[in-house]
Amino acid sequence: MNKQFAVAILGAGLGTRFKSKRAKLLHEAGGRKLIEHAVRTAAKLSASKIFAIVGYQADAIQKAITEADSKLAGGKVRFLLQDKPLGTGHALKCGQKELRAAAPLLLVYCGDTPLLRPETLRDFLSYHRRLKATATVMTAIMADPSGYGRMVRSADGQVDAIVEHKSASADILAIREINTGIYCFDTKELFSQLDRLKPDRLTGEYYLTDVISGLRQECKRVEGYPIADAGEVMGVNTRIELAQADALLRARKAREMMLHGVTIMQPESVRIDPDVEIGPDTILEPGVMLLGSTRVGSDCSIGAYSRITNSRIEDGVTILQCSVVADSIIKREASVGPFAHIRPGTEVGPQAKIGNFVEVKKSKIGRGTKAGHLTYLGDAIIGDNVNVGAGTITCNYDGEKKHTTIIESNAFIGSGTELVAPIRIGRNAYVGAGSTITKNVPADALAVARTHQVIKPEWVKQRKRKSKAKKKA
């Protein structure tokens, strides 16, 4: 049998139960938009072609797929437009020219099933081929099947019909096997049925479930494939279900990381995006968020409630609690936090220390350099083994442009210093505490820029006497 197949992802619905100005498939679960989950799953199946049938906010959905993976959107995924949401059967009819010619088999599923695994779909396709079915429906056994279409089987186990909950008799409502909305069709037979499909009398919509009945009336073989884990085919139709899907996807990722040697304290509280990588013997404390394409090395410690986005954390790094790191690199054995903010474009060197309430933006920090407290370092290039005192500020913005501060290796910057950029502090130089430095400081020099201290003896007593006399008057 020719094993070539195509995939059609149904994604044109309005998602009215979300009560959102955005299309449902643009909402995120587990760190990805719903449509991205669906497309990435299809991309792992070795399908000859992938089609996304879109309608409501089609441009935004296409853009989301393109941003997620330009290779998919630019090559493998093709977009078909369902201009009016007139049911699942109508969606395929809208793309019939392309779908008819795509492949002998067509796998169809909805774009709002983010928990669906590629392995499950491979087994489903294999089952369909092995039984030489004309159509196969993925089914699930549910303890509470309320709201779902029920699978009505014949004596030999084939699927005779799918009856929607609202149309079912008491006997059919007692059936716990439900339709998941995932199908595999012989493409030619599918479109033969779609050509004759009639709209529902009440809704005016065309339903794929009616194709199943049509095939059985022609004595075609229709099988049901019961999935082992019903939770995997959960559709996301409300914000409540979105939250449930997100929790399950996060738990799945956390489990994967723990099986690879990562210690996660309270894994239910941790958020790890699907593309994140973590080395063994790293410890994640409660509430940690590792987002985007973050890479964390081995033997790291990530403190509670820290958030790291699109960053590279090398081996042996310590990030203390409540720190934020974005689009940056933290090199081996460096320490960050607590309550530090590492902004985009920053590189913190090996064994460097960025301490509590220190903000670093678009700067390069050298090996062993320390900025321990209450400091802002922006647009700076700082050498090795520099000591940056508490309260230091690089004054990098003049109201129109950003300017660079350069601090060469082994320099010492006293507490409460303002470095007005553009400026260079030379190697081994010292800057006295409380200075405002506006000129370059040569290597090995001491720079102090303060006004002379003035002391007025008995000033406080005199002030109090004047105040008391004023009140009496």
Protein backbone atom coordinates (compact mmCIF):
# COMPACT_ATOMS: atom_id res chain seq x y z
CA MET A 1 0.00 0.00 0.00
CA ASN A 2 1.21 3.50 -0.80
CA LYS A 3 2.11 5.01 2.58
CA GLN A 4 2.07 8.61 1.42
CA PHE A 5 -0.36 10.80 3.36
CA ALA A 6 -1.24 14.45 3.91
CA VAL A 7 -2.41 16.30 7.01
CA ALA A 8 -5.29 18.80 7.21
CA ILE A 9 -5.49 20.89 10.38
CA LEU A 10 -8.87 22.50 11.01
CA GLY A 11 -8.40 26.00 12.36
CA ALA A 12 -11.06 28.32 10.97
CA GLY A 13 -13.44 28.43 13.94
CA LEU A 14 -14.39 31.60 15.80
CA GLY A 15 -13.77 30.21 19.30
CA THR A 16 -16.68 32.21 20.71
CA ARG A 17 -16.53 30.51 24.11
CA PHE A 18 -13.12 32.10 24.67
CA LYS A 19 -14.78 35.51 24.71
CA SER A 20 -11.65 37.04 23.19
CA LYS A 21 -10.89 39.51 20.42
CA ARG A 22 -8.12 37.10 19.37
CA ALA A 23 -8.76 33.86 17.54
CA LYS A 24 -8.71 30.87 19.86
CA LEU A 25 -5.74 29.27 18.12
CA LEU A 26 -3.59 32.32 18.93
CA HIS A 27 -3.85 31.68 22.66
CA GLU A 28 -0.97 29.85 24.36
CA ALA A 29 -0.70 26.65 26.35
CA GLY A 30 2.59 25.18 27.48
CA GLY A 31 4.62 27.99 25.96
CA ARG A 32 3.24 27.78 22.41
CA LYS A 33 0.19 29.00 20.58
CA LEU A 34 -2.42 26.31 20.02
CA ILE A 35 -1.95 26.39 16.24
CA GLU A 36 1.81 26.05 16.67
CA HIS A 37 1.35 22.84 18.69
CA ALA A 38 -0.82 21.43 15.93
CA VAL A 39 1.60 22.33 13.13
CA ARG A 40 4.70 21.10 14.97
CA THR A 41 2.98 17.79 15.67
CA ALA A 42 2.16 17.40 11.98
CA ALA A 43 5.74 18.28 11.01
CA LYS A 44 7.04 15.28 12.96
CA LEU A 45 4.92 12.79 11.01
CA SER A 46 6.79 12.74 7.68
CA ALA A 47 3.65 13.80 5.86
CA SER A 48 3.98 14.61 2.18
CA LYS A 49 2.02 17.86 2.69
CA ILE A 50 0.55 19.80 5.61
CA PHE A 51 -2.48 22.05 5.19
CA ALA A 52 -3.81 24.53 7.74
CA ILE A 53 -7.42 25.47 6.99
CA VAL A 54 -7.91 28.95 8.43
CA GLY A 55 -10.68 31.51 8.44
CA TYR A 56 -11.20 33.89 11.34
CA GLN A 57 -8.08 36.10 11.68
CA ALA A 58 -6.37 33.99 9.02
CA ASP A 59 -3.53 36.47 8.51
CA ALA A 60 -2.68 36.52 12.21
CA ILE A 61 -2.69 32.72 12.41
CA GLN A 62 -0.48 32.42 9.33
CA LYS A 63 1.89 35.01 10.84
CA ALA A 64 2.02 33.07 14.10
CA ILE A 65 3.09 29.91 12.30
CA THR A 66 5.66 31.82 10.27
CA GLU A 67 7.16 33.41 13.38
CA ALA A 68 7.23 30.07 15.17
CA ASP A 69 9.05 28.27 12.40
CA SER A 70 9.75 29.99 9.08
CA LYS A 71 10.83 26.68 7.53
CA LEU A 72 7.42 25.17 8.19
CA ALA A 73 5.43 28.14 6.99
CA GLY A 74 7.68 28.81 4.02
CA GLY A 75 7.81 25.25 2.79
CA LYS A 76 5.75 22.47 4.24
CA VAL A 77 2.63 24.20 5.57
CA ARG A 78 0.14 25.45 3.02
CA PHE A 79 -2.80 27.63 3.99
CA LEU A 80 -6.35 27.10 2.76
CA LEU A 81 -9.12 29.60 3.44
CA GLN A 82 -12.55 28.75 4.80
CA ASP A 83 -14.22 32.11 4.38
CA LYS A 84 -17.35 31.16 6.34
CA PRO A 85 -17.37 28.78 9.34
CA LEU A 86 -19.92 26.29 8.03
CA GLY A 87 -18.66 23.15 9.76
CA THR A 88 -15.86 20.62 9.53
CA GLY A 89 -17.10 19.10 6.28
CA HIS A 90 -17.32 22.54 4.69
CA ALA A 91 -13.72 23.25 5.77
CA LEU A 92 -12.43 20.33 3.69
CA LYS A 93 -14.71 21.23 0.80
CA CYS A 94 -13.12 24.71 0.73
CA GLY A 95 -9.73 23.16 0.09
CA GLN A 96 -10.83 20.24 -2.03
CA LYS A 97 -8.77 21.15 -5.10
CA GLU A 98 -5.50 20.96 -3.17
CA LEU A 99 -6.54 18.18 -0.78
CA ARG A 100 -7.84 15.81 -3.46
CA ALA A 101 -4.45 15.83 -5.16
CA ALA A 102 -2.31 15.85 -2.02
CA ALA A 103 -2.02 12.13 -1.15
CA PRO A 104 -3.99 8.86 -1.11
CA LEU A 105 -4.62 9.23 2.64
CA LEU A 106 -5.71 12.32 4.53
CA LEU A 107 -5.22 12.73 8.28
CA VAL A 108 -7.60 15.34 9.73
CA TYR A 109 -7.53 16.86 13.20
CA CYS A 110 -8.37 20.13 14.93
CA GLY A 111 -5.89 22.86 15.77
CA ASP A 112 -7.08 23.09 19.37
CA THR A 113 -5.68 19.75 20.61
CA PRO A 114 -2.24 20.74 21.97
CA LEU A 115 -1.70 17.55 23.99
CA LEU A 116 -1.87 15.30 20.93
CA ARG A 117 1.45 13.45 20.46
CA PRO A 118 3.07 12.57 17.12
CA GLU A 119 3.54 9.00 18.37
CA THR A 120 -0.20 8.66 18.86
CA LEU A 121 -0.92 9.83 15.33
CA ARG A 122 1.70 7.46 13.90
CA ASP A 123 0.01 4.53 15.68
CA PHE A 124 -3.37 5.76 14.44
CA LEU A 125 -2.17 5.85 10.82
CA SER A 126 -0.60 2.43 11.19
CA TYR A 127 -3.88 1.02 12.56
CA HIS A 128 -5.83 2.49 9.64
CA ARG A 129 -3.47 0.97 7.07
CA ARG A 130 -3.24 -2.38 8.78
CA LEU A 131 -7.02 -2.82 8.75
CA LYS A 132 -7.27 -1.43 5.19
CA ALA A 133 -10.10 0.84 6.30
CA THR A 134 -11.75 3.48 4.14
CA ALA A 135 -11.99 5.72 7.20
CA THR A 136 -10.85 5.45 10.79
CA VAL A 137 -12.04 7.58 13.70
CA MET A 138 -9.94 8.08 16.81
CA THR A 139 -12.14 7.46 19.84
CA ALA A 140 -11.78 7.71 23.61
CA ILE A 141 -13.55 6.17 26.58
CA MET A 142 -14.67 8.85 29.03
CA ALA A 143 -16.14 8.55 32.50
CA ASP A 144 -18.35 11.53 31.71
CA PRO A 145 -19.00 11.72 27.95
CA SER A 146 -21.50 14.56 28.23
CA GLY A 147 -21.42 16.92 25.27
CA TYR A 148 -19.48 14.59 22.98
CA GLY A 149 -20.65 12.68 19.93
CA ARG A 150 -21.10 8.97 20.70
CA MET A 151 -19.64 6.11 18.65
CA VAL A 152 -22.28 3.64 17.48
CA ARG A 153 -20.67 0.35 16.45
CA SER A 154 -21.99 -2.60 14.53
CA ALA A 155 -21.87 -6.21 15.70
CA ASP A 156 -18.50 -6.72 14.00
CA GLY A 157 -17.01 -3.69 15.77
CA GLN A 158 -17.02 -1.26 12.86
CA VAL A 159 -18.30 2.27 13.31
CA ASP A 160 -21.82 2.66 11.97
CA ALA A 161 -22.45 6.26 12.95
CA ILE A 162 -21.43 9.16 15.17
CA VAL A 163 -24.43 10.59 17.00
CA GLU A 164 -24.17 14.04 18.54
CA HIS A 165 -25.14 14.37 22.19
CA LYS A 166 -28.11 16.66 21.51
CA SER A 167 -29.56 14.16 19.00
CA ALA A 168 -28.91 10.97 20.99
CA SER A 169 -31.49 8.66 22.53
CA ALA A 170 -31.15 7.46 26.12
CA ASP A 171 -29.51 4.21 24.94
CA ILE A 172 -26.92 6.07 22.88
CA LEU A 173 -26.25 8.54 25.68
CA ALA A 174 -25.24 5.55 27.82
CA ILE A 175 -22.33 4.90 25.44
CA ARG A 176 -19.04 6.15 26.93
CA GLU A 177 -16.97 5.91 23.73
CA ILE A 178 -16.77 9.37 22.15
CA ASN A 179 -15.59 10.93 18.90
CA THR A 180 -12.33 12.88 19.31
CA GLY A 181 -12.63 14.69 15.96
CA ILE A 182 -9.51 12.99 14.60
CA TYR A 183 -9.91 11.06 11.34
CA CYS A 184 -7.97 9.21 8.69
CA PHE A 185 -9.65 8.94 5.27
CA ASP A 186 -9.09 7.39 1.93
CA THR A 187 -8.90 10.74 0.13
CA LYS A 188 -10.84 9.69 -2.96
CA GLU A 189 -13.68 8.18 -0.94
CA LEU A 190 -13.79 11.17 1.40
CA PHE A 191 -14.35 13.68 -1.36
CA SER A 192 -16.82 11.42 -3.08
CA GLN A 193 -18.91 11.72 0.11
CA LEU A 194 -18.25 15.43 0.52
CA ASP A 195 -19.57 16.08 -2.98
CA ARG A 196 -22.92 14.68 -1.83
CA LEU A 197 -22.90 16.07 1.70
CA LYS A 198 -25.95 18.10 2.68
CA PRO A 199 -26.11 20.84 5.32
CA ASP A 200 -27.66 20.22 8.70
CA ARG A 201 -31.31 21.33 8.71
CA LEU A 202 -30.96 23.37 11.92
CA THR A 203 -27.47 24.89 11.64
CA GLY A 204 -26.86 24.91 7.89
CA GLU A 205 -23.40 23.41 8.53
CA TYR A 206 -21.67 20.47 6.85
CA TYR A 207 -20.33 17.85 9.27
CA LEU A 208 -17.60 15.25 8.78
CA THR A 209 -19.54 12.93 11.05
CA ASP A 210 -22.13 12.60 8.25
CA VAL A 211 -19.36 11.29 5.98
CA ILE A 212 -18.96 8.32 8.32
CA SER A 213 -22.64 7.43 7.99
CA GLY A 214 -22.46 7.85 4.21
CA LEU A 215 -19.50 5.48 3.93
CA ARG A 216 -21.24 2.82 6.01
CA GLN A 217 -24.35 3.08 3.87
CA GLU A 218 -22.11 2.14 0.93
CA CYS A 219 -20.70 -0.78 2.95
CA LYS A 220 -17.25 0.80 3.23
CA ARG A 221 -15.01 -0.22 6.10
CA VAL A 222 -15.00 2.35 8.94
CA GLU A 223 -12.95 1.56 12.02
CA GLY A 224 -12.66 3.13 15.46
CA TYR A 225 -9.26 3.48 17.11
CA PRO A 226 -9.59 3.84 20.91
CA ILE A 227 -6.80 5.95 22.37
CA ALA A 228 -5.34 4.79 25.68
CA ASP A 229 -5.15 8.26 27.28
CA ALA A 230 -8.31 10.28 26.77
CA GLY A 231 -6.64 13.36 28.18
CA GLU A 232 -4.33 13.52 25.16
CA VAL A 233 -7.18 14.40 22.80
CA MET A 234 -8.71 17.08 25.01
CA GLY A 235 -9.91 19.98 22.92
CA VAL A 236 -9.47 23.53 24.18
CA ASN A 237 -12.76 25.43 23.92
CA THR A 238 -12.70 27.66 27.01
CA ARG A 239 -10.16 29.51 29.13
CA ILE A 240 -10.65 26.85 31.80
CA GLU A 241 -9.62 24.11 29.37
CA LEU A 242 -6.72 26.29 28.21
CA ALA A 243 -5.43 26.43 31.79
CA GLN A 244 -5.86 22.66 32.14
CA ALA A 245 -3.93 22.03 28.91
CA ASP A 246 -1.18 24.39 29.99
CA ALA A 247 -0.79 22.58 33.31
CA LEU A 248 -0.60 19.18 31.60
CA LEU A 249 1.96 20.37 29.04
CA ARG A 250 4.08 21.96 31.77
CA ALA A 251 3.93 18.75 33.81
CA ARG A 252 4.95 16.75 30.74
CA LYS A 253 8.01 18.98 30.18
CA ALA A 254 8.99 18.93 33.86
CA ARG A 255 8.82 15.15 33.90
CA GLU A 256 11.03 14.99 30.81
CA MET A 257 13.63 17.22 32.49
CA MET A 258 13.58 15.25 35.74
CA LEU A 259 14.12 12.01 33.83
CA HIS A 260 17.22 13.66 32.31
CA GLY A 261 18.73 14.39 35.71
CA VAL A 262 17.30 17.78 36.68
CA THR A 263 16.07 18.34 40.24
CA ILE A 264 12.82 20.32 40.33
CA MET A 265 11.39 21.36 43.66
CA GLN A 266 7.59 21.55 43.50
CA PRO A 267 7.43 20.79 39.76
CA GLU A 268 3.79 21.86 39.63
CA SER A 269 4.92 25.45 40.31
CA VAL A 270 7.67 25.59 37.65
CA ARG A 271 7.13 26.76 34.05
CA ILE A 272 9.51 25.36 31.43
CA ASP A 273 8.86 26.14 27.77
CA PRO A 274 9.07 23.28 25.25
CA ASP A 275 12.34 24.40 23.59
CA VAL A 276 14.22 24.87 26.86
CA GLU A 277 17.24 22.62 27.52
CA ILE A 278 18.66 21.90 30.99
CA GLY A 279 21.81 19.98 31.92
CA PRO A 280 21.96 17.26 34.61
CA ASP A 281 22.40 18.05 38.30
CA THR A 282 20.87 21.49 37.90
CA ILE A 283 18.40 22.44 40.63
CA LEU A 284 15.26 24.48 40.02
CA GLU A 285 13.59 25.96 43.08
CA PRO A 286 9.81 26.61 43.26
CA GLY A 287 8.27 29.15 40.91
CA VAL A 288 11.13 29.24 38.40
CA MET A 289 10.22 30.22 34.81
CA LEU A 290 12.51 29.11 31.96
CA LEU A 291 11.09 30.53 28.76
CA GLY A 292 11.71 30.67 25.02
CA SER A 293 14.94 29.10 23.78
CA THR A 294 16.77 29.22 27.12
CA ARG A 295 19.70 26.83 27.61
CA VAL A 296 20.80 25.99 31.16
CA GLY A 297 23.99 24.01 31.73
CA SER A 298 24.89 21.38 34.31
CA ASP A 299 25.32 21.90 38.06
CA CYS A 300 23.43 25.19 38.09
CA SER A 301 21.12 26.46 40.80
CA ILE A 302 18.15 28.60 39.80
CA GLY A 303 16.55 30.35 42.76
CA ALA A 304 12.87 30.55 43.56
CA TYR A 305 10.70 32.79 41.36
CA SER A 306 13.48 33.66 38.94
CA ARG A 307 12.51 34.24 35.31
CA ILE A 308 14.94 33.46 32.47
CA THR A 309 14.00 34.11 28.84
CA ASN A 310 15.94 33.27 25.64
CA SER A 311 19.24 33.13 27.51
CA ARG A 312 22.29 30.86 27.84
CA ILE A 313 23.25 29.86 31.36
CA GLU A 314 26.56 28.00 31.40
CA ASP A 315 27.68 25.24 33.80
CA GLY A 316 27.91 25.93 37.51
CA VAL A 317 25.99 29.22 37.49
CA THR A 318 24.05 30.30 40.58
CA ILE A 319 21.00 32.49 40.07
CA LEU A 320 19.51 33.52 43.38
CA GLN A 321 15.83 34.09 44.04
CA CYS A 322 13.60 36.57 42.21
CA SER A 323 16.11 37.45 39.48
CA VAL A 324 15.18 38.27 35.88
CA VAL A 325 17.41 37.39 32.93
CA ALA A 326 16.45 38.08 29.30
CA ASP A 327 18.31 37.55 26.02
CA SER A 328 21.67 37.32 27.77
CA ILE A 329 24.60 35.01 28.49
CA ILE A 330 25.73 34.06 32.01
CA LYS A 331 29.09 32.31 31.86
CA ARG A 332 30.53 29.50 33.96
CA GLU A 333 30.36 29.75 37.74
CA ALA A 334 28.98 33.28 37.75
CA SER A 335 26.50 34.37 40.40
CA VAL A 336 23.44 36.54 39.83
CA GLY A 337 20.96 37.90 42.36
CA PRO A 338 18.96 37.91 44.48
CA PHE A 339 16.59 40.44 42.91
CA ALA A 340 18.93 41.18 39.99
CA HIS A 341 17.76 42.28 36.53
CA ILE A 342 19.88 41.19 33.58
CA ARG A 343 18.45 42.92 30.53
CA PRO A 344 18.90 42.00 26.85
CA GLY A 345 22.34 42.07 25.26
CA THR A 346 24.29 41.37 28.46
CA GLU A 347 27.17 38.96 28.93
CA VAL A 348 28.20 38.18 32.50
CA GLY A 349 31.70 36.69 32.54
CA PRO A 350 32.97 33.58 34.33
CA GLN A 351 32.99 33.78 38.13
CA ALA A 352 31.54 37.30 38.03
CA LYS A 353 29.03 38.39 40.64
CA ILE A 354 25.97 40.50 39.98
CA GLY A 355 24.34 41.02 43.35
CA ASN A 356 21.08 42.15 44.89
CA PHE A 357 19.14 44.92 43.18
CA VAL A 358 21.73 45.31 40.43
CA GLU A 359 20.45 46.06 36.91
CA VAL A 360 22.66 45.36 33.90
CA LYS A 361 21.66 46.30 30.37
CA LYS A 362 23.50 45.62 27.09
CA SER A 363 26.83 45.29 28.85
CA LYS A 364 29.80 42.95 28.96
CA ILE A 365 31.03 42.04 32.42
CA GLY A 366 34.50 40.50 32.71
CA ARG A 367 35.79 37.48 34.61
CA GLY A 368 35.62 37.79 38.37
CA THR A 369 34.11 41.29 38.31
CA LYS A 370 31.77 42.12 41.20
CA ALA A 371 28.83 44.50 41.37
CA GLY A 372 27.28 43.49 44.67
CA HIS A 373 24.56 45.98 45.48
CA LEU A 374 22.10 48.57 44.21
CA THR A 375 23.85 49.42 40.94
CA TYR A 376 22.93 50.24 37.35
CA LEU A 377 25.34 49.24 34.56
CA GLY A 378 24.05 50.14 31.10
CA ASP A 379 25.90 50.13 27.75
CA ALA A 380 29.11 49.26 29.58
CA ILE A 381 32.22 47.23 28.82
CA ILE A 382 33.80 46.15 32.08
CA GLY A 383 37.06 44.20 32.29
CA ASP A 384 38.20 41.44 34.63
CA ASN A 385 38.34 41.66 38.42
CA VAL A 386 36.70 45.06 38.64
CA ASN A 387 35.03 46.03 41.92
CA VAL A 388 31.90 48.13 41.41
CA GLY A 389 30.74 49.71 44.66
CA ALA A 390 27.16 49.96 45.86
CA GLY A 391 25.05 52.66 44.26
CA THR A 392 27.22 53.06 41.16
CA ILE A 393 25.46 54.36 38.06
CA THR A 394 26.66 54.47 34.47
CA CYS A 395 24.93 57.57 33.14
CA ASN A 396 24.56 56.27 29.60
CA TYR A 397 21.70 58.40 28.21
CA ASP A 398 22.01 62.09 27.41
CA GLY A 399 18.36 62.51 26.44
CA GLU A 400 18.96 61.68 22.77
CA LYS A 401 21.64 59.00 22.48
CA LYS A 402 23.09 56.13 24.49
CA HIS A 403 26.83 56.27 25.24
CA THR A 404 29.35 53.65 26.34
CA THR A 405 31.20 53.38 29.63
CA ILE A 406 34.47 51.40 29.59
CA ILE A 407 36.03 50.21 32.84
CA GLU A 408 39.30 48.39 32.31
CA SER A 409 40.50 45.38 34.32
CA ASN A 410 41.34 45.60 38.04
CA ALA A 411 39.76 49.03 38.46
CA PHE A 412 38.01 49.96 41.72
CA ILE A 413 34.83 52.03 41.62
CA GLY A 414 33.84 53.47 44.99
CA SER A 415 30.27 53.42 46.29
CA GLY A 416 27.82 56.06 45.18
CA THR A 417 29.72 56.89 41.99
CA GLU A 418 28.21 58.35 38.84
CA LEU A 419 30.12 57.65 35.61
CA VAL A 420 28.90 60.06 32.93
CA ALA A 421 29.32 58.39 29.54
CA PRO A 422 31.08 58.37 27.17
CA ILE A 423 33.94 57.68 29.56
CA ARG A 424 36.85 55.30 30.16
CA ILE A 425 38.29 54.25 33.49
CA GLY A 426 41.81 52.94 33.00
CA ARG A 427 43.38 49.71 34.19
CA ASN A 428 44.05 49.56 37.95
CA ALA A 429 42.47 53.02 38.44
CA TYR A 430 40.57 53.98 41.59
CA VAL A 431 37.49 56.19 41.76
CA GLY A 432 36.68 57.62 45.18
CA ALA A 433 33.26 57.02 46.72
CA GLY A 434 30.63 59.64 46.05
CA SER A 435 32.29 60.94 42.88
CA THR A 436 30.67 62.19 39.69
CA ILE A 437 33.20 61.39 36.99
CA THR A 438 32.91 63.22 33.66
CA LYS A 439 36.44 62.83 32.30
CA ASN A 440 38.51 59.78 31.42
CA VAL A 441 40.62 58.38 34.27
CA PRO A 442 44.13 57.17 33.30
CA ALA A 443 45.48 53.76 34.31
CA ASP A 444 46.77 53.53 37.90
CA ALA A 445 45.26 56.94 38.78
CA LEU A 446 42.93 58.00 41.59
CA ALA A 447 39.94 60.13 40.62
CA VAL A 448 37.88 61.99 43.21
CA ALA A 449 35.17 64.47 42.24
CA ARG A 450 33.37 65.89 45.29
CA THR A 451 32.61 69.32 46.70
CA HIS A 452 34.45 70.24 49.90
CA GLN A 453 32.69 69.22 53.07
CA VAL A 454 31.34 72.11 55.15
CA ILE A 455 30.75 71.83 58.92
CA LYS A 456 28.80 74.44 60.85
CA PRO A 457 29.22 73.97 64.62
CA GLU A 458 26.12 74.28 66.81
CA TRP A 459 23.89 74.59 63.72
CA VAL A 460 21.25 72.20 65.05
CA LYS A 461 20.95 73.95 68.44
CA GLN A 462 20.63 77.34 66.74
CA ARG A 463 17.92 75.98 64.42
CA LYS A 464 15.93 74.61 67.35
CA ARG A 465 16.17 77.91 69.29
CA LYS A 466 14.94 79.86 66.25
CA SER A 467 12.06 77.42 65.77
CA LYS A 468 11.01 77.67 69.45
CA ALA A 469 11.13 81.48 69.37
CA LYS A 470 9.01 81.52 66.20
CA LYS A 471 6.34 79.38 67.85
CA LYS A 472 6.18 81.64 70.94
CA ALA A 473 5.80 84.73 68.74
